Protein backbone atom coordinates (compact mmCIF):
# COMPACT_ATOMS: atom_id res chain seq x y z
CA MET A 1 88.48 114.56 2.58
CA GLU A 2 90.45 114.04 -0.58
CA ALA A 3 89.21 115.59 -3.68
CA LYS A 4 88.94 112.17 -5.55
CA THR A 5 86.84 110.75 -2.90
CA LEU A 6 84.71 114.00 -3.16
CA LEU A 7 84.11 113.70 -6.81
CA HIS A 8 83.42 109.93 -6.46
CA LYS A 9 80.53 110.68 -3.57
CA ALA A 10 79.28 113.44 -6.51
CA LEU A 11 79.40 110.94 -9.08
CA ASN A 12 77.96 108.27 -7.05
CA ALA A 13 74.60 110.41 -6.31
CA SER A 14 74.29 110.64 -9.95
CA ALA A 15 74.81 114.45 -9.70
CA SER A 16 75.12 116.72 -12.45
CA ASP A 17 77.16 119.35 -10.50
CA LEU A 18 79.23 119.61 -7.36
CA GLN A 19 79.74 123.08 -5.97
CA LEU A 20 82.11 124.19 -3.43
CA THR A 21 82.59 126.90 -0.96
CA VAL A 22 84.97 127.33 1.69
CA GLY A 23 83.02 127.16 5.21
CA ILE A 24 79.96 124.92 4.05
CA PRO A 25 79.42 121.55 3.27
CA PRO A 26 79.75 120.69 -0.49
CA VAL A 27 76.64 120.99 -2.51
CA ILE A 28 75.25 118.58 -5.16
CA ARG A 29 72.54 119.52 -7.90
CA LEU A 30 70.05 116.59 -8.40
CA SER A 31 67.20 116.69 -10.82
CA GLY A 32 67.76 120.39 -10.86
CA ALA A 33 67.78 120.74 -6.85
CA LEU A 34 70.72 121.60 -4.73
CA VAL A 35 71.24 119.51 -2.03
CA LYS A 36 73.89 119.62 0.87
CA MET A 37 76.42 116.60 1.29
CA ASP A 38 76.11 115.44 4.64
CA LEU A 39 79.75 115.87 4.87
CA PRO A 40 81.99 118.11 6.74
CA LYS A 41 82.70 121.38 5.99
CA VAL A 42 84.94 122.55 3.07
CA ILE A 43 88.08 123.83 3.62
CA ARG A 44 90.66 125.76 1.92
CA GLU A 45 93.03 123.09 1.27
CA GLU A 46 90.24 120.87 -0.75
CA THR A 47 89.02 123.62 -3.16
CA GLU A 48 93.17 124.07 -4.26
CA GLY A 49 93.28 120.16 -4.46
CA LEU A 50 90.21 120.28 -6.87
CA THR A 51 91.83 123.41 -8.64
CA ASN A 52 94.99 121.67 -9.27
CA MET A 53 93.26 118.27 -10.58
CA VAL A 54 90.53 120.44 -13.20
CA LYS A 55 93.60 122.52 -14.16
CA LEU A 56 95.45 119.12 -14.96
CA ILE A 57 92.34 117.50 -16.85
CA LEU A 58 91.63 120.55 -18.94
CA LEU A 59 95.64 120.46 -19.92
CA MET A 60 95.58 117.21 -20.83
CA LEU A 61 92.39 117.32 -22.95
CA SER A 62 93.63 120.57 -24.47
CA GLN A 63 96.90 118.49 -25.73
CA ARG A 64 94.48 115.98 -26.98
CA SER A 65 92.85 118.11 -29.33
CA VAL A 66 95.67 119.38 -30.55
CA TYR A 67 97.33 115.91 -31.03
CA SER A 68 93.94 114.31 -32.53
CA GLY A 69 94.38 116.62 -35.62
CA LEU A 70 97.60 115.50 -36.74
CA THR A 71 98.79 112.56 -38.95
CA ALA A 72 101.28 110.35 -38.34
CA THR A 73 103.94 112.47 -39.77
CA GLY A 74 103.19 115.35 -37.58
CA LYS A 75 101.08 117.50 -40.00
CA GLU A 76 97.65 118.86 -39.64
CA GLU A 77 95.23 117.04 -41.72
């Protein structure tokens, strides 16, 4: 399953966590309880796709925080 679709399904279920382990279906946390999603087992390529997505998001957030402290002249406030 595509990483984006998997994240949407977890969000639509109001999950606070999404846990992926190769060889078993995805697991979400609902109201503190871990619940297996009714989906096929996770394959390695799915975890790699999500890892790359998370790395990109973290990179974007880190750049945003660096730039948020700069003035229009490019100097720190």
